């Protein structure tokens, strides 16, 4: 127990230092990006970086809290846009999965399990868990998912002009926020009992959103807490990066970069014209349609002053759909047990 606590504190300290440095430089998604690099480099150098899965569950629960807290007037006024916007997101998601799977299988020679895990646009934490369950080539999956996350977190906001945005002023910790944290923790406990990927986030979003919608509580999210959980998410992805072998990193570099650029380009190609048609901010649609990094996109929406409720509704529904669709899609692409391998 003492050793686990020491490793966890070391990881959080490294992630905090990296996040603070990148955040202080004003980088888009700096706390997430800086923590990811710091923990990834430390792991590659042999330092015992580690965080328990409970911390990941709490981070997912907090992302759900942010979604629920943002269900307010602005989100409700945008409700008329949701059907068309959600349809566009679903079509984009299907295109990303099919195109990515085909490229990884036919162009880069990945096995079916590895290609599916690389193509699946869930959030990074859940995608890695699914890849491990499929016994895919974890090194390739980590690099591809990481590159896509970095492109979406760093390049995408810059491309739509959100890189310098920030929430003005400090937000104090209020009774409403503490009550929402209590509800989110209860949701995390319930979600872990369900053993359903992402349940912590779904339940917290529904529970907190219901209380906010009924005006039982009013929740303002302090930016410092948002920064902390960006750091936690970055640290988890960095831990996976630190485990990758150098040879695998080199081999996966080309497909990872192509996948990352392609995902960001497709997202922008959908968001820019739809933003004009819907008369809605491009950055909100880009963050909503981003094929991956759900918790990161939700936290970034808050950091950039975008309606996190609108962004969160898209990602929550996307993750629910992806979670429910994964078993039948896996059976379709991996019809025989011996195919669930990392290579052909």
C-alpha atoms as a PDB file:
ATOM      1  CA  UNK A   1       0.000   0.000   0.000  1.00  0.00           C
ATOM      2  CA  UNK A   2       2.791   2.415   0.932  1.00  0.00           C
ATOM      3  CA  UNK A   3       4.658   1.616  -2.300  1.00  0.00           C
ATOM      4  CA  UNK A   4       1.505   2.167  -4.380  1.00  0.00           C
ATOM      5  CA  UNK A   5       0.853   5.482  -2.646  1.00  0.00           C
ATOM      6  CA  UNK A   6       4.436   6.608  -3.261  1.00  0.00           C
ATOM      7  CA  UNK A   7       4.274   5.755  -6.965  1.00  0.00           C
ATOM      8  CA  UNK A   8       0.935   7.522  -7.310  1.00  0.00           C
ATOM      9  CA  UNK A   9       2.218  10.669  -5.601  1.00  0.00           C
ATOM     10  CA  UNK A  10       5.329  10.628  -7.820  1.00  0.00           C
ATOM     11  CA  UNK A  11       3.164  10.347 -10.942  1.00  0.00           C
ATOM     12  CA  UNK A  12       0.854  13.163  -9.857  1.00  0.00           C
ATOM     13  CA  UNK A  13       3.844  15.335  -8.982  1.00  0.00           C
ATOM     14  CA  UNK A  14       5.460  14.748 -12.387  1.00  0.00           C
ATOM     15  CA  UNK A  15       2.161  15.322 -14.160  1.00  0.00           C
ATOM     16  CA  UNK A  16       1.567  18.484 -12.143  1.00  0.00           C
ATOM     17  CA  UNK A  17       5.007  19.884 -12.969  1.00  0.00           C
ATOM     18  CA  UNK A  18       4.632  19.127 -16.680  1.00  0.00           C
ATOM     19  CA  UNK A  19       1.085  20.456 -16.758  1.00  0.00           C
ATOM     20  CA  UNK A  20       1.984  23.642 -14.894  1.00  0.00           C
ATOM     21  CA  UNK A  21       4.875  24.313 -17.261  1.00  0.00           C
ATOM     22  CA  UNK A  22       2.824  23.777 -20.429  1.00  0.00           C
ATOM     23  CA  UNK A  23      -0.172  25.612 -18.957  1.00  0.00           C
ATOM     24  CA  UNK A  24       2.051  28.514 -17.955  1.00  0.00           C
ATOM     25  CA  UNK A  25       3.255  28.777 -21.549  1.00  0.00           C
ATOM     26  CA  UNK A  26      -0.350  29.240 -22.646  1.00  0.00           C
ATOM     27  CA  UNK A  27      -0.488  26.073 -24.744  1.00  0.00           C
ATOM     28  CA  UNK A  28      -3.868  24.780 -25.847  1.00  0.00           C
ATOM     29  CA  UNK A  29      -4.767  21.934 -23.466  1.00  0.00           C
ATOM     30  CA  UNK A  30      -1.488  22.631 -21.699  1.00  0.00           C
ATOM     31  CA  UNK A  31      -2.238  20.814 -18.454  1.00  0.00           C
ATOM     32  CA  UNK A  32      -3.172  17.628 -20.294  1.00  0.00           C
ATOM     33  CA  UNK A  33      -0.394  17.870 -22.869  1.00  0.00           C
ATOM     34  CA  UNK A  34       2.326  18.746 -20.343  1.00  0.00           C
ATOM     35  CA  UNK A  35       1.352  15.964 -17.944  1.00  0.00           C
ATOM     36  CA  UNK A  36       1.236  13.469 -20.790  1.00  0.00           C
ATOM     37  CA  UNK A  37       4.774  14.297 -21.919  1.00  0.00           C
ATOM     38  CA  UNK A  38       6.223  14.469 -18.416  1.00  0.00           C
ATOM     39  CA  UNK A  39       4.787  11.135 -17.268  1.00  0.00           C
ATOM     40  CA  UNK A  40       5.488   9.458 -20.630  1.00  0.00           C
ATOM     41  CA  UNK A  41       9.157  10.485 -20.584  1.00  0.00           C
ATOM     42  CA  UNK A  42       9.497   9.467 -16.926  1.00  0.00           C
ATOM     43  CA  UNK A  43       8.019   6.041 -17.674  1.00  0.00           C
ATOM     44  CA  UNK A  44      10.309   5.564 -20.678  1.00  0.00           C
ATOM     45  CA  UNK A  45      13.281   6.400 -18.440  1.00  0.00           C
ATOM     46  CA  UNK A  46      12.295   3.668 -16.003  1.00  0.00           C
ATOM     47  CA  UNK A  47      10.656   5.673 -13.241  1.00  0.00           C
ATOM     48  CA  UNK A  48       7.821   3.751 -11.506  1.00  0.00           C
ATOM     49  CA  UNK A  49       4.891   5.865 -12.702  1.00  0.00           C
ATOM     50  CA  UNK A  50       1.500   4.511 -11.665  1.00  0.00           C
ATOM     51  CA  UNK A  51      -2.051   5.606 -10.911  1.00  0.00           C
ATOM     52  CA  UNK A  52      -4.822   3.274  -9.673  1.00  0.00           C
ATOM     53  CA  UNK A  53      -7.906   2.672 -11.797  1.00  0.00           C
ATOM     54  CA  UNK A  54     -10.015   4.361  -9.120  1.00  0.00           C
ATOM     55  CA  UNK A  55      -8.373   7.659 -10.059  1.00  0.00           C
ATOM     56  CA  UNK A  56      -9.352   7.089 -13.697  1.00  0.00           C
ATOM     57  CA  UNK A  57     -12.937   6.424 -12.623  1.00  0.00           C
ATOM     58  CA  UNK A  58     -12.984   9.646 -10.587  1.00  0.00           C
ATOM     59  CA  UNK A  59     -11.663  11.577 -13.602  1.00  0.00           C
ATOM     60  CA  UNK A  60     -14.462  10.143 -15.754  1.00  0.00           C
ATOM     61  CA  UNK A  61     -16.981  11.042 -13.039  1.00  0.00           C
ATOM     62  CA  UNK A  62     -15.665  14.596 -12.990  1.00  0.00           C
ATOM     63  CA  UNK A  63     -16.046  14.858 -16.772  1.00  0.00           C
ATOM     64  CA  UNK A  64     -19.671  13.827 -16.270  1.00  0.00           C
ATOM     65  CA  UNK A  65     -20.051  16.484 -13.574  1.00  0.00           C
ATOM     66  CA  UNK A  66     -18.825  19.118 -16.042  1.00  0.00           C
ATOM     67  CA  UNK A  67     -21.404  17.956 -18.592  1.00  0.00           C
ATOM     68  CA  UNK A  68     -24.230  18.021 -16.057  1.00  0.00           C
ATOM     69  CA  UNK A  69     -23.202  21.391 -14.657  1.00  0.00           C
ATOM     70  CA  UNK A  70     -23.273  22.909 -18.140  1.00  0.00           C
ATOM     71  CA  UNK A  71     -26.896  21.955 -18.873  1.00  0.00           C
ATOM     72  CA  UNK A  72     -28.213  25.492 -18.582  1.00  0.00           C
ATOM     73  CA  UNK A  73     -29.971  28.119 -20.653  1.00  0.00           C
ATOM     74  CA  UNK A  74     -27.398  28.306 -23.433  1.00  0.00           C
ATOM     75  CA  UNK A  75     -27.472  24.549 -23.931  1.00  0.00           C
ATOM     76  CA  UNK A  76     -31.261  24.467 -23.918  1.00  0.00           C
ATOM     77  CA  UNK A  77     -31.411  27.293 -26.458  1.00  0.00           C
ATOM     78  CA  UNK A  78     -29.190  25.185 -28.715  1.00  0.00           C
ATOM     79  CA  UNK A  79     -31.431  22.132 -28.296  1.00  0.00           C
ATOM     80  CA  UNK A  80     -33.053  22.713 -31.691  1.00  0.00           C
ATOM     81  CA  UNK A  81     -29.640  22.187 -33.304  1.00  0.00           C
ATOM     82  CA  UNK A  82     -29.001  18.863 -31.584  1.00  0.00           C
ATOM     83  CA  UNK A  83     -30.831  16.433 -33.943  1.00  0.00           C
ATOM     84  CA  UNK A  84     -28.988  17.609 -37.049  1.00  0.00           C
ATOM     85  CA  UNK A  85     -25.709  18.008 -35.190  1.00  0.00           C
ATOM     86  CA  UNK A  86     -25.906  14.538 -33.632  1.00  0.00           C
ATOM     87  CA  UNK A  87     -26.687  13.011 -37.034  1.00  0.00           C
ATOM     88  CA  UNK A  88     -23.635  14.728 -38.515  1.00  0.00           C
ATOM     89  CA  UNK A  89     -21.509  13.408 -35.634  1.00  0.00           C
ATOM     90  CA  UNK A  90     -22.783   9.842 -36.169  1.00  0.00           C
ATOM     91  CA  UNK A  91     -21.981   9.930 -39.885  1.00  0.00           C
ATOM     92  CA  UNK A  92     -18.534  11.382 -39.210  1.00  0.00           C
ATOM     93  CA  UNK A  93     -17.865   8.727 -36.564  1.00  0.00           C
ATOM     94  CA  UNK A  94     -18.817   5.898 -38.942  1.00  0.00           C
ATOM     95  CA  UNK A  95     -16.597   7.362 -41.674  1.00  0.00           C
ATOM     96  CA  UNK A  96     -13.623   7.657 -39.306  1.00  0.00           C
ATOM     97  CA  UNK A  97     -13.984   4.054 -38.093  1.00  0.00           C
ATOM     98  CA  UNK A  98     -14.376   2.487 -41.538  1.00  0.00           C
ATOM     99  CA  UNK A  99     -11.647   4.530 -43.200  1.00  0.00           C
ATOM    100  CA  UNK A 100      -9.195   4.076 -40.308  1.00  0.00           C
ATOM    101  CA  UNK A 101      -9.819   0.330 -40.085  1.00  0.00           C
ATOM    102  CA  UNK A 102      -9.275  -0.136 -43.819  1.00  0.00           C
ATOM    103  CA  UNK A 103      -6.036   1.886 -43.773  1.00  0.00           C
ATOM    104  CA  UNK A 104      -4.588   0.056 -40.777  1.00  0.00           C
ATOM    105  CA  UNK A 105      -5.471  -3.340 -42.248  1.00  0.00           C
ATOM    106  CA  UNK A 106      -4.640  -2.859 -45.921  1.00  0.00           C
ATOM    107  CA  UNK A 107      -1.994  -0.153 -45.975  1.00  0.00           C
ATOM    108  CA  UNK A 108      -0.119  -0.653 -42.688  1.00  0.00           C
ATOM    109  CA  UNK A 109      -0.614  -4.406 -42.285  1.00  0.00           C
ATOM    110  CA  UNK A 110      -2.158  -4.476 -38.818  1.00  0.00           C
ATOM    111  CA  UNK A 111      -4.126  -7.469 -37.631  1.00  0.00           C
ATOM    112  CA  UNK A 112      -7.912  -7.139 -37.326  1.00  0.00           C
ATOM    113  CA  UNK A 113      -7.901  -6.621 -33.546  1.00  0.00           C
ATOM    114  CA  UNK A 114      -5.166  -3.995 -33.710  1.00  0.00           C
ATOM    115  CA  UNK A 115      -6.808  -2.208 -36.647  1.00  0.00           C
ATOM    116  CA  UNK A 116     -10.158  -2.093 -34.829  1.00  0.00           C
ATOM    117  CA  UNK A 117      -8.590  -0.807 -31.607  1.00  0.00           C
ATOM    118  CA  UNK A 118      -6.688   1.880 -33.536  1.00  0.00           C
ATOM    119  CA  UNK A 119      -9.802   2.925 -35.453  1.00  0.00           C
ATOM    120  CA  UNK A 120     -12.221   2.953 -32.519  1.00  0.00           C
ATOM    121  CA  UNK A 121     -12.858   6.622 -31.636  1.00  0.00           C
ATOM    122  CA  UNK A 122     -13.586   6.177 -27.948  1.00  0.00           C
ATOM    123  CA  UNK A 123     -11.796   8.258 -25.369  1.00  0.00           C
ATOM    124  CA  UNK A 124      -8.155   7.304 -24.952  1.00  0.00           C
ATOM    125  CA  UNK A 125      -8.558   5.546 -21.604  1.00  0.00           C
ATOM    126  CA  UNK A 126     -11.418   3.329 -22.784  1.00  0.00           C
ATOM    127  CA  UNK A 127      -9.790   2.627 -26.171  1.00  0.00           C
ATOM    128  CA  UNK A 128      -6.677   1.332 -24.441  1.00  0.00           C
ATOM    129  CA  UNK A 129      -8.733  -0.890 -22.136  1.00  0.00           C
ATOM    130  CA  UNK A 130     -10.583  -2.354 -25.140  1.00  0.00           C
ATOM    131  CA  UNK A 131      -7.306  -2.957 -26.983  1.00  0.00           C
ATOM    132  CA  UNK A 132      -5.892  -4.851 -24.021  1.00  0.00           C
ATOM    133  CA  UNK A 133      -9.034  -7.013 -23.821  1.00  0.00           C
ATOM    134  CA  UNK A 134      -8.669  -7.830 -27.547  1.00  0.00           C
ATOM    135  CA  UNK A 135      -4.987  -8.740 -27.097  1.00  0.00           C
ATOM    136  CA  UNK A 136      -4.098  -6.231 -29.791  1.00  0.00           C
ATOM    137  CA  UNK A 137      -0.641  -4.810 -30.464  1.00  0.00           C
ATOM    138  CA  UNK A 138      -0.702  -2.421 -27.511  1.00  0.00           C
ATOM    139  CA  UNK A 139       2.346  -0.425 -28.600  1.00  0.00           C
ATOM    140  CA  UNK A 140       0.786   0.468 -31.944  1.00  0.00           C
ATOM    141  CA  UNK A 141      -2.617   1.201 -30.412  1.00  0.00           C
ATOM    142  CA  UNK A 142      -1.078   3.472 -27.775  1.00  0.00           C
ATOM    143  CA  UNK A 143       0.907   5.466 -30.343  1.00  0.00           C
ATOM    144  CA  UNK A 144      -2.043   5.843 -32.729  1.00  0.00           C
ATOM    145  CA  UNK A 145      -4.520   6.806 -30.019  1.00  0.00           C
ATOM    146  CA  UNK A 146      -1.982   9.154 -28.441  1.00  0.00           C
ATOM    147  CA  UNK A 147      -1.208  10.911 -31.732  1.00  0.00           C
ATOM    148  CA  UNK A 148      -4.913  11.353 -32.446  1.00  0.00           C
ATOM    149  CA  UNK A 149      -5.507  12.714 -28.948  1.00  0.00           C
ATOM    150  CA  UNK A 150      -2.646  15.195 -29.298  1.00  0.00           C
ATOM    151  CA  UNK A 151      -3.901  16.357 -32.696  1.00  0.00           C
ATOM    152  CA  UNK A 152      -7.411  16.843 -31.327  1.00  0.00           C
ATOM    153  CA  UNK A 153      -6.361  18.440 -28.042  1.00  0.00           C
ATOM    154  CA  UNK A 154      -3.563  20.670 -29.322  1.00  0.00           C
ATOM    155  CA  UNK A 155      -4.015  21.282 -33.046  1.00  0.00           C
ATOM    156  CA  UNK A 156      -7.798  21.284 -33.355  1.00  0.00           C
ATOM    157  CA  UNK A 157      -8.503  24.156 -30.930  1.00  0.00           C
ATOM    158  CA  UNK A 158      -5.695  26.191 -32.490  1.00  0.00           C
ATOM    159  CA  UNK A 159      -7.110  25.590 -35.955  1.00  0.00           C
ATOM    160  CA  UNK A 160     -10.510  26.978 -34.978  1.00  0.00           C
ATOM    161  CA  UNK A 161      -9.107  29.915 -33.034  1.00  0.00           C
ATOM    162  CA  UNK A 162      -9.576  28.711 -29.456  1.00  0.00           C
ATOM    163  CA  UNK A 163      -5.933  28.341 -28.528  1.00  0.00           C
ATOM    164  CA  UNK A 164      -5.713  31.554 -26.599  1.00  0.00           C
ATOM    165  CA  UNK A 165      -9.104  31.337 -24.958  1.00  0.00           C
ATOM    166  CA  UNK A 166      -9.551  30.963 -21.248  1.00  0.00           C
ATOM    167  CA  UNK A 167     -12.187  31.406 -18.637  1.00  0.00           C
ATOM    168  CA  UNK A 168     -11.790  34.857 -17.148  1.00  0.00           C
ATOM    169  CA  UNK A 169     -11.261  35.179 -13.415  1.00  0.00           C
ATOM    170  CA  UNK A 170     -11.354  32.660 -10.606  1.00  0.00           C
ATOM    171  CA  UNK A 171     -14.429  30.673  -9.675  1.00  0.00           C
ATOM    172  CA  UNK A 172     -14.690  29.945  -5.946  1.00  0.00           C
ATOM    173  CA  UNK A 173     -15.602  26.524  -4.613  1.00  0.00           C
ATOM    174  CA  UNK A 174     -19.285  26.786  -3.705  1.00  0.00           C
ATOM    175  CA  UNK A 175     -21.737  24.581  -1.867  1.00  0.00           C
ATOM    176  CA  UNK A 176     -23.377  23.679  -5.169  1.00  0.00           C
ATOM    177  CA  UNK A 177     -20.065  22.492  -6.600  1.00  0.00           C
ATOM    178  CA  UNK A 178     -19.322  20.420  -3.485  1.00  0.00           C
ATOM    179  CA  UNK A 179     -22.804  18.876  -3.673  1.00  0.00           C
ATOM    180  CA  UNK A 180     -22.199  18.022  -7.352  1.00  0.00           C
ATOM    181  CA  UNK A 181     -18.872  16.419  -6.382  1.00  0.00           C
ATOM    182  CA  UNK A 182     -20.698  14.252  -3.850  1.00  0.00           C
ATOM    183  CA  UNK A 183     -23.225  13.191  -6.495  1.00  0.00           C
ATOM    184  CA  UNK A 184     -20.405  12.477  -8.949  1.00  0.00           C
ATOM    185  CA  UNK A 185     -18.601  10.279  -6.402  1.00  0.00           C
ATOM    186  CA  UNK A 186     -21.788   8.301  -5.803  1.00  0.00           C
ATOM    187  CA  UNK A 187     -22.102   7.939  -9.580  1.00  0.00           C
ATOM    188  CA  UNK A 188     -18.510   6.689  -9.759  1.00  0.00           C
ATOM    189  CA  UNK A 189     -19.256   4.044  -7.123  1.00  0.00           C
ATOM    190  CA  UNK A 190     -22.386   2.941  -8.996  1.00  0.00           C
ATOM    191  CA  UNK A 191     -20.603   2.979 -12.351  1.00  0.00           C
ATOM    192  CA  UNK A 192     -17.776   0.774 -11.092  1.00  0.00           C
ATOM    193  CA  UNK A 193     -20.322  -1.765  -9.886  1.00  0.00           C
ATOM    194  CA  UNK A 194     -21.894  -1.880 -13.366  1.00  0.00           C
ATOM    195  CA  UNK A 195     -18.544  -2.810 -14.990  1.00  0.00           C
ATOM    196  CA  UNK A 196     -19.618  -0.854 -18.085  1.00  0.00           C
ATOM    197  CA  UNK A 197     -16.866   1.255 -19.715  1.00  0.00           C
ATOM    198  CA  UNK A 198     -17.552   4.942 -19.172  1.00  0.00           C
ATOM    199  CA  UNK A 199     -20.541   4.367 -16.852  1.00  0.00           C
ATOM    200  CA  UNK A 200     -19.019   6.707 -14.286  1.00  0.00           C
ATOM    201  CA  UNK A 201     -19.232   9.599 -16.738  1.00  0.00           C
ATOM    202  CA  UNK A 202     -22.710   8.755 -18.025  1.00  0.00           C
ATOM    203  CA  UNK A 203     -24.244   8.429 -14.561  1.00  0.00           C
ATOM    204  CA  UNK A 204     -22.592  11.590 -13.223  1.00  0.00           C
ATOM    205  CA  UNK A 205     -23.743  13.598 -16.247  1.00  0.00           C
ATOM    206  CA  UNK A 206     -27.334  12.404 -15.840  1.00  0.00           C
ATOM    207  CA  UNK A 207     -27.442  12.860 -12.068  1.00  0.00           C
ATOM    208  CA  UNK A 208     -25.799  16.290 -11.907  1.00  0.00           C
ATOM    209  CA  UNK A 209     -27.636  17.472 -15.029  1.00  0.00           C
ATOM    210  CA  UNK A 210     -30.974  16.508 -13.510  1.00  0.00           C
ATOM    211  CA  UNK A 211     -30.267  18.421 -10.305  1.00  0.00           C
ATOM    212  CA  UNK A 212     -29.072  21.468 -12.231  1.00  0.00           C
ATOM    213  CA  UNK A 213     -32.029  21.312 -14.623  1.00  0.00           C
ATOM    214  CA  UNK A 214     -34.470  21.150 -11.703  1.00  0.00           C
ATOM    215  CA  UNK A 215     -32.620  24.106 -10.109  1.00  0.00           C
ATOM    216  CA  UNK A 216     -31.893  22.081  -6.976  1.00  0.00           C
ATOM    217  CA  UNK A 217     -28.242  23.102  -7.191  1.00  0.00           C
ATOM    218  CA  UNK A 218     -26.244  25.648  -9.178  1.00  0.00           C
ATOM    219  CA  UNK A 219     -22.768  24.519 -10.166  1.00  0.00           C
ATOM    220  CA  UNK A 220     -19.821  26.666 -11.241  1.00  0.00           C
ATOM    221  CA  UNK A 221     -16.678  24.677 -12.070  1.00  0.00           C
ATOM    222  CA  UNK A 222     -13.427  26.225 -10.714  1.00  0.00           C
ATOM    223  CA  UNK A 223     -10.777  26.393 -13.474  1.00  0.00           C
ATOM    224  CA  UNK A 224      -8.113  25.073 -11.064  1.00  0.00           C
ATOM    225  CA  UNK A 225     -10.088  21.851 -10.577  1.00  0.00           C
ATOM    226  CA  UNK A 226     -10.509  21.576 -14.340  1.00  0.00           C
ATOM    227  CA  UNK A 227      -6.735  21.932 -14.772  1.00  0.00           C
ATOM    228  CA  UNK A 228      -6.114  19.211 -12.192  1.00  0.00           C
ATOM    229  CA  UNK A 229      -8.303  16.685 -13.983  1.00  0.00           C
ATOM    230  CA  UNK A 230      -6.781  17.578 -17.345  1.00  0.00           C
ATOM    231  CA  UNK A 231      -3.481  16.676 -15.710  1.00  0.00           C
ATOM    232  CA  UNK A 232      -4.863  13.360 -14.433  1.00  0.00           C
ATOM    233  CA  UNK A 233      -6.109  12.368 -17.896  1.00  0.00           C
ATOM    234  CA  UNK A 234      -2.756  13.330 -19.426  1.00  0.00           C
ATOM    235  CA  UNK A 235      -0.899  11.303 -16.791  1.00  0.00           C
ATOM    236  CA  UNK A 236      -2.900   8.170 -17.595  1.00  0.00           C
ATOM    237  CA  UNK A 237      -2.184   8.442 -21.320  1.00  0.00           C
ATOM    238  CA  UNK A 238       1.460   9.215 -20.543  1.00  0.00           C
ATOM    239  CA  UNK A 239       1.721   6.027 -18.490  1.00  0.00           C
ATOM    240  CA  UNK A 240       0.746   3.994 -21.548  1.00  0.00           C
ATOM    241  CA  UNK A 241       3.198   5.940 -23.717  1.00  0.00           C
ATOM    242  CA  UNK A 242       6.032   5.204 -21.289  1.00  0.00           C
ATOM    243  CA  UNK A 243       5.494   1.447 -21.718  1.00  0.00           C
ATOM    244  CA  UNK A 244       5.971   1.520 -25.495  1.00  0.00           C
ATOM    245  CA  UNK A 245       9.135   0.022 -26.977  1.00  0.00           C
ATOM    246  CA  UNK A 246      11.278   2.342 -29.100  1.00  0.00           C
ATOM    247  CA  UNK A 247      11.160   0.021 -32.110  1.00  0.00           C
ATOM    248  CA  UNK A 248       7.378  -0.085 -31.912  1.00  0.00           C
ATOM    249  CA  UNK A 249       7.228   3.693 -31.718  1.00  0.00           C
ATOM    250  CA  UNK A 250       9.209   4.003 -34.939  1.00  0.00           C
ATOM    251  CA  UNK A 251       7.084   1.397 -36.703  1.00  0.00           C
ATOM    252  CA  UNK A 252       3.818   3.019 -35.653  1.00  0.00           C
ATOM    253  CA  UNK A 253       4.872   6.591 -36.372  1.00  0.00           C
ATOM    254  CA  UNK A 254       3.598   6.824 -39.963  1.00  0.00           C
ATOM    255  CA  UNK A 255       0.124   5.356 -39.328  1.00  0.00           C
ATOM    256  CA  UNK A 256      -0.164   7.354 -36.106  1.00  0.00           C
ATOM    257  CA  UNK A 257       0.627  10.687 -37.763  1.00  0.00           C
ATOM    258  CA  UNK A 258      -1.622   9.972 -40.733  1.00  0.00           C
ATOM    259  CA  UNK A 259      -4.479   8.932 -38.453  1.00  0.00           C
ATOM    260  CA  UNK A 260      -4.032  12.014 -36.292  1.00  0.00           C
ATOM    261  CA  UNK A 261      -3.963  14.476 -39.187  1.00  0.00           C
ATOM    262  CA  UNK A 262      -6.811  12.680 -40.925  1.00  0.00           C
ATOM    263  CA  UNK A 263      -9.031  12.708 -37.812  1.00  0.00           C
ATOM    264  CA  UNK A 264      -8.441  16.420 -37.224  1.00  0.00           C
ATOM    265  CA  UNK A 265      -8.966  17.245 -40.920  1.00  0.00           C
ATOM    266  CA  UNK A 266     -12.238  15.297 -41.127  1.00  0.00           C
ATOM    267  CA  UNK A 267     -13.477  16.946 -37.950  1.00  0.00           C
ATOM    268  CA  UNK A 268     -12.755  20.422 -39.300  1.00  0.00           C
ATOM    269  CA  UNK A 269     -14.211  19.523 -42.707  1.00  0.00           C
ATOM    270  CA  UNK A 270     -17.499  18.714 -40.959  1.00  0.00           C
ATOM    271  CA  UNK A 271     -17.453  21.486 -38.328  1.00  0.00           C
ATOM    272  CA  UNK A 272     -16.661  24.511 -40.503  1.00  0.00           C
ATOM    273  CA  UNK A 273     -19.542  24.293 -43.020  1.00  0.00           C
ATOM    274  CA  UNK A 274     -22.024  23.090 -40.374  1.00  0.00           C
ATOM    275  CA  UNK A 275     -21.093  26.013 -38.139  1.00  0.00           C
ATOM    276  CA  UNK A 276     -22.042  28.346 -40.995  1.00  0.00           C
ATOM    277  CA  UNK A 277     -25.291  26.485 -41.689  1.00  0.00           C
ATOM    278  CA  UNK A 278     -26.319  26.272 -38.021  1.00  0.00           C
ATOM    279  CA  UNK A 279     -25.029  29.722 -37.063  1.00  0.00           C
ATOM    280  CA  UNK A 280     -23.190  28.170 -34.140  1.00  0.00           C
ATOM    281  CA  UNK A 281     -19.516  28.588 -33.081  1.00  0.00           C
ATOM    282  CA  UNK A 282     -17.087  26.465 -35.067  1.00  0.00           C
ATOM    283  CA  UNK A 283     -15.034  25.641 -31.982  1.00  0.00           C
ATOM    284  CA  UNK A 284     -18.102  24.197 -30.218  1.00  0.00           C
ATOM    285  CA  UNK A 285     -18.890  21.914 -33.162  1.00  0.00           C
ATOM    286  CA  UNK A 286     -15.232  20.929 -33.629  1.00  0.00           C
ATOM    287  CA  UNK A 287     -14.895  19.932 -29.974  1.00  0.00           C
ATOM    288  CA  UNK A 288     -18.245  18.127 -30.177  1.00  0.00           C
ATOM    289  CA  UNK A 289     -17.313  16.102 -33.271  1.00  0.00           C
ATOM    290  CA  UNK A 290     -13.749  15.248 -32.204  1.00  0.00           C
ATOM    291  CA  UNK A 291     -13.453  11.449 -32.645  1.00  0.00           C
ATOM    292  CA  UNK A 292     -11.809  10.673 -29.336  1.00  0.00           C
ATOM    293  CA  UNK A 293     -10.650  12.208 -26.081  1.00  0.00           C
ATOM    294  CA  UNK A 294     -14.175  12.691 -24.698  1.00  0.00           C
ATOM    295  CA  UNK A 295     -13.165  13.742 -21.217  1.00  0.00           C
ATOM    296  CA  UNK A 296     -10.415  15.946 -22.642  1.00  0.00           C
ATOM    297  CA  UNK A 297     -12.798  17.686 -25.071  1.00  0.00           C
ATOM    298  CA  UNK A 298     -15.314  18.326 -22.277  1.00  0.00           C
ATOM    299  CA  UNK A 299     -12.663  19.776 -19.988  1.00  0.00           C
ATOM    300  CA  UNK A 300     -11.240  21.867 -22.838  1.00  0.00           C
ATOM    301  CA  UNK A 301     -14.689  23.228 -23.647  1.00  0.00           C
ATOM    302  CA  UNK A 302     -14.841  24.641 -20.123  1.00  0.00           C
ATOM    303  CA  UNK A 303     -11.296  25.977 -20.341  1.00  0.00           C
ATOM    304  CA  UNK A 304     -12.042  27.706 -23.674  1.00  0.00           C
ATOM    305  CA  UNK A 305     -15.320  29.232 -22.526  1.00  0.00           C
ATOM    306  CA  UNK A 306     -17.388  27.076 -24.919  1.00  0.00           C
ATOM    307  CA  UNK A 307     -20.773  25.623 -23.921  1.00  0.00           C
ATOM    308  CA  UNK A 308     -19.566  22.408 -22.272  1.00  0.00           C
ATOM    309  CA  UNK A 309     -23.140  21.136 -22.069  1.00  0.00           C
ATOM    310  CA  UNK A 310     -23.511  21.134 -25.861  1.00  0.00           C
ATOM    311  CA  UNK A 311     -20.092  19.497 -26.286  1.00  0.00           C
ATOM    312  CA  UNK A 312     -20.748  17.057 -23.462  1.00  0.00           C
ATOM    313  CA  UNK A 313     -24.112  15.883 -24.817  1.00  0.00           C
ATOM    314  CA  UNK A 314     -22.408  14.892 -28.077  1.00  0.00           C
ATOM    315  CA  UNK A 315     -19.582  13.029 -26.368  1.00  0.00           C
ATOM    316  CA  UNK A 316     -21.810  11.371 -23.791  1.00  0.00           C
ATOM    317  CA  UNK A 317     -24.149  10.009 -26.463  1.00  0.00           C
ATOM    318  CA  UNK A 318     -21.177   9.087 -28.664  1.00  0.00           C
ATOM    319  CA  UNK A 319     -19.577   7.090 -25.868  1.00  0.00           C
ATOM    320  CA  UNK A 320     -22.836   5.362 -24.976  1.00  0.00           C
ATOM    321  CA  UNK A 321     -23.246   4.377 -28.631  1.00  0.00           C
ATOM    322  CA  UNK A 322     -19.633   3.236 -28.936  1.00  0.00           C
ATOM    323  CA  UNK A 323     -19.856   1.212 -25.738  1.00  0.00           C
ATOM    324  CA  UNK A 324     -23.040  -0.555 -26.868  1.00  0.00           C
ATOM    325  CA  UNK A 325     -21.821  -1.038 -30.439  1.00  0.00           C
ATOM    326  CA  UNK A 326     -18.365  -2.403 -29.606  1.00  0.00           C
ATOM    327  CA  UNK A 327     -19.407  -6.056 -28.937  1.00  0.00           C
ATOM    328  CA  UNK A 328     -21.413  -6.487 -32.195  1.00  0.00           C
ATOM    329  CA  UNK A 329     -18.812  -4.610 -34.242  1.00  0.00           C
ATOM    330  CA  UNK A 330     -16.038  -6.729 -32.725  1.00  0.00           C
ATOM    331  CA  UNK A 331     -17.960  -9.881 -33.647  1.00  0.00           C
ATOM    332  CA  UNK A 332     -18.371  -8.542 -37.194  1.00  0.00           C
ATOM    333  CA  UNK A 333     -14.709  -7.692 -37.663  1.00  0.00           C
ATOM    334  CA  UNK A 334     -13.318 -10.495 -35.494  1.00  0.00           C
ATOM    335  CA  UNK A 335     -15.640 -13.422 -36.263  1.00  0.00           C
ATOM    336  CA  UNK A 336     -13.273 -16.190 -35.139  1.00  0.00           C
ATOM    337  CA  UNK A 337     -11.477 -16.371 -31.754  1.00  0.00           C
ATOM    338  CA  UNK A 338      -8.039 -16.936 -33.319  1.00  0.00           C
ATOM    339  CA  UNK A 339      -8.354 -13.593 -35.127  1.00  0.00           C
ATOM    340  CA  UNK A 340      -8.237 -11.657 -31.857  1.00  0.00           C
ATOM    341  CA  UNK A 341      -4.512 -11.085 -32.099  1.00  0.00           C
ATOM    342  CA  UNK A 342      -2.207  -8.176 -32.640  1.00  0.00           C
ATOM    343  CA  UNK A 343      -0.837  -9.221 -36.004  1.00  0.00           C
ATOM    344  CA  UNK A 344      -1.818 -11.148 -39.100  1.00  0.00           C
END
